[in-house]
Amino acid sequence: MHQNVKRYLMHPLIGKVIALNQYLMKVRTLPEKSIQHVYVETLMKAADTLFTQAMREVRGKDYIKRATETIEEITARNYLIYSLRGWSNKVTARIDAMCEEITAELYKADAVNKNSQNHEVQGRT
């Protein structure tokens, strides 16, 4: 595995996104089949997309807006599944908390990226 990829995978943002995906894999079969097939699968796809967006953000690309929109989508789906009685309050609260932690890490990564880009621009002048 390439050294940079290992470094990216060790980033706190990526770790939190992976943890969210793992948790979703664990709880995806809790709702009844019809909820699983329609709503949980959509949420799982959004979590997969979030991983790609987070990797791009960690690599220095500006993906914060897209990633925060994906987190909002995950959160909305989470509450919809709860409203349909697919998940318990405990599962819903945990997913919500994980999304909040990911959002915080995302903004930290974005600040580091912007700070790094500012240093690069200043170094060229």
Protein backbone atom coordinates (compact mmCIF):
# COMPACT_ATOMS: atom_id res chain seq x y z
CA MET A 1 0.00 0.00 0.00
CA HIS A 2 1.28 3.46 -0.88
CA GLN A 3 2.66 5.39 2.12
CA ASN A 4 0.36 8.39 1.53
CA VAL A 5 -2.71 6.16 1.44
CA LYS A 6 -1.74 4.69 4.81
CA ARG A 7 -1.34 8.21 6.19
CA TYR A 8 -4.74 9.25 4.84
CA LEU A 9 -6.40 6.19 6.36
CA MET A 10 -4.93 7.12 9.74
CA HIS A 11 -6.47 10.62 9.60
CA PRO A 12 -9.11 11.19 12.33
CA LEU A 13 -11.73 12.23 9.75
CA ILE A 14 -11.30 9.01 7.80
CA GLY A 15 -11.35 6.96 11.00
CA LYS A 16 -14.68 8.49 12.00
CA VAL A 17 -16.18 7.93 8.55
CA ILE A 18 -15.03 4.30 8.60
CA ALA A 19 -16.53 3.90 12.10
CA LEU A 20 -19.85 5.27 10.82
CA ASN A 21 -19.82 2.85 7.90
CA GLN A 22 -19.01 -0.06 10.21
CA TYR A 23 -21.82 0.88 12.57
CA LEU A 24 -24.28 1.21 9.70
CA MET A 25 -23.25 -2.25 8.49
CA LYS A 26 -23.98 -3.56 11.97
CA VAL A 27 -27.46 -1.99 12.30
CA ARG A 28 -28.65 -2.17 8.70
CA THR A 29 -30.66 -5.36 9.25
CA LEU A 30 -32.57 -4.07 12.30
CA PRO A 31 -35.46 -2.51 10.34
CA GLU A 32 -37.99 -4.63 8.49
CA LYS A 33 -37.08 -5.66 4.93
CA SER A 34 -39.09 -2.96 3.15
CA ILE A 35 -37.33 -0.22 5.15
CA GLN A 36 -33.96 -1.90 4.58
CA HIS A 37 -34.37 -2.06 0.83
CA VAL A 38 -35.65 1.46 0.29
CA TYR A 39 -34.24 3.67 3.04
CA VAL A 40 -31.28 1.91 4.63
CA GLU A 41 -29.69 1.09 1.26
CA THR A 42 -29.91 4.76 0.27
CA LEU A 43 -28.32 5.76 3.57
CA MET A 44 -25.55 3.20 3.07
CA LYS A 45 -24.81 4.59 -0.40
CA ALA A 46 -24.57 8.08 1.07
CA ALA A 47 -22.13 6.81 3.72
CA ASP A 48 -20.03 5.25 0.95
CA THR A 49 -20.05 8.57 -0.94
CA LEU A 50 -19.04 10.34 2.28
CA PHE A 51 -15.95 8.14 2.52
CA THR A 52 -14.84 9.16 -0.97
CA GLN A 53 -15.51 12.83 -0.25
CA ALA A 54 -13.63 12.65 3.05
CA MET A 55 -10.63 11.04 1.34
CA ARG A 56 -10.61 13.86 -1.20
CA GLU A 57 -10.82 16.47 1.56
CA VAL A 58 -7.94 14.85 3.44
CA ARG A 59 -5.90 14.88 0.23
CA GLY A 60 -6.28 18.65 0.09
CA LYS A 61 -9.17 18.99 -2.34
CA ASP A 62 -12.07 21.26 -1.42
CA TYR A 63 -14.91 18.83 -0.70
CA ILE A 64 -16.28 20.36 2.49
CA LYS A 65 -19.55 21.59 0.96
CA ARG A 66 -20.30 18.29 -0.74
CA ALA A 67 -19.35 16.29 2.33
CA THR A 68 -21.48 18.40 4.68
CA GLU A 69 -24.43 18.01 2.30
CA THR A 70 -23.88 14.24 2.33
CA ILE A 71 -23.79 14.27 6.14
CA GLU A 72 -27.07 16.21 6.13
CA GLU A 73 -28.53 13.55 3.81
CA ILE A 74 -27.36 10.76 6.13
CA THR A 75 -28.84 12.56 9.14
CA ALA A 76 -32.17 13.11 7.37
CA ARG A 77 -32.36 9.44 6.33
CA ASN A 78 -31.44 8.42 9.86
CA TYR A 79 -34.40 10.35 11.27
CA LEU A 80 -36.72 9.08 8.56
CA ILE A 81 -35.82 5.48 9.39
CA TYR A 82 -36.40 6.26 13.07
CA SER A 83 -39.78 7.83 12.24
CA LEU A 84 -40.75 4.67 10.34
CA ARG A 85 -39.86 2.70 13.48
CA GLY A 86 -36.91 1.09 11.77
CA TRP A 87 -34.36 2.06 14.40
CA SER A 88 -34.51 2.66 18.12
CA ASN A 89 -33.81 6.02 19.71
CA LYS A 90 -30.42 4.68 20.82
CA VAL A 91 -29.33 3.72 17.28
CA THR A 92 -30.62 7.01 15.86
CA ALA A 93 -28.85 9.06 18.53
CA ARG A 94 -25.58 7.23 17.96
CA ILE A 95 -25.67 7.81 14.20
CA ASP A 96 -26.53 11.47 14.80
CA ALA A 97 -23.61 11.86 17.23
CA MET A 98 -21.23 10.17 14.79
CA CYS A 99 -22.34 12.57 12.04
CA GLU A 100 -21.70 15.54 14.35
CA GLU A 101 -18.19 14.23 15.12
CA ILE A 102 -17.50 13.75 11.40
CA THR A 103 -18.68 17.30 10.69
CA ALA A 104 -16.31 18.67 13.35
CA GLU A 105 -13.37 16.68 11.90
CA LEU A 106 -14.31 17.80 8.41
CA TYR A 107 -14.08 21.46 9.40
CA LYS A 108 -10.72 20.82 11.09
CA ALA A 109 -9.39 19.17 7.94
CA ASP A 110 -10.71 22.03 5.82
CA ALA A 111 -8.99 24.59 8.06
CA VAL A 112 -5.70 22.69 7.77
CA ASN A 113 -6.09 22.53 3.98
CA LYS A 114 -6.79 26.26 3.72
CA ASN A 115 -3.89 27.07 6.03
CA SER A 116 -1.60 24.86 3.95
CA GLN A 117 -2.76 26.49 0.71
CA ASN A 118 -2.19 29.97 2.18
CA HIS A 119 1.39 29.01 3.06
CA GLU A 120 1.97 27.71 -0.47
CA VAL A 121 0.68 30.96 -2.00
CA GLN A 122 2.78 33.09 0.37
CA GLY A 123 5.85 31.04 -0.47
CA ARG A 124 5.47 31.83 -4.17
CA THR A 125 5.43 35.60 -3.75
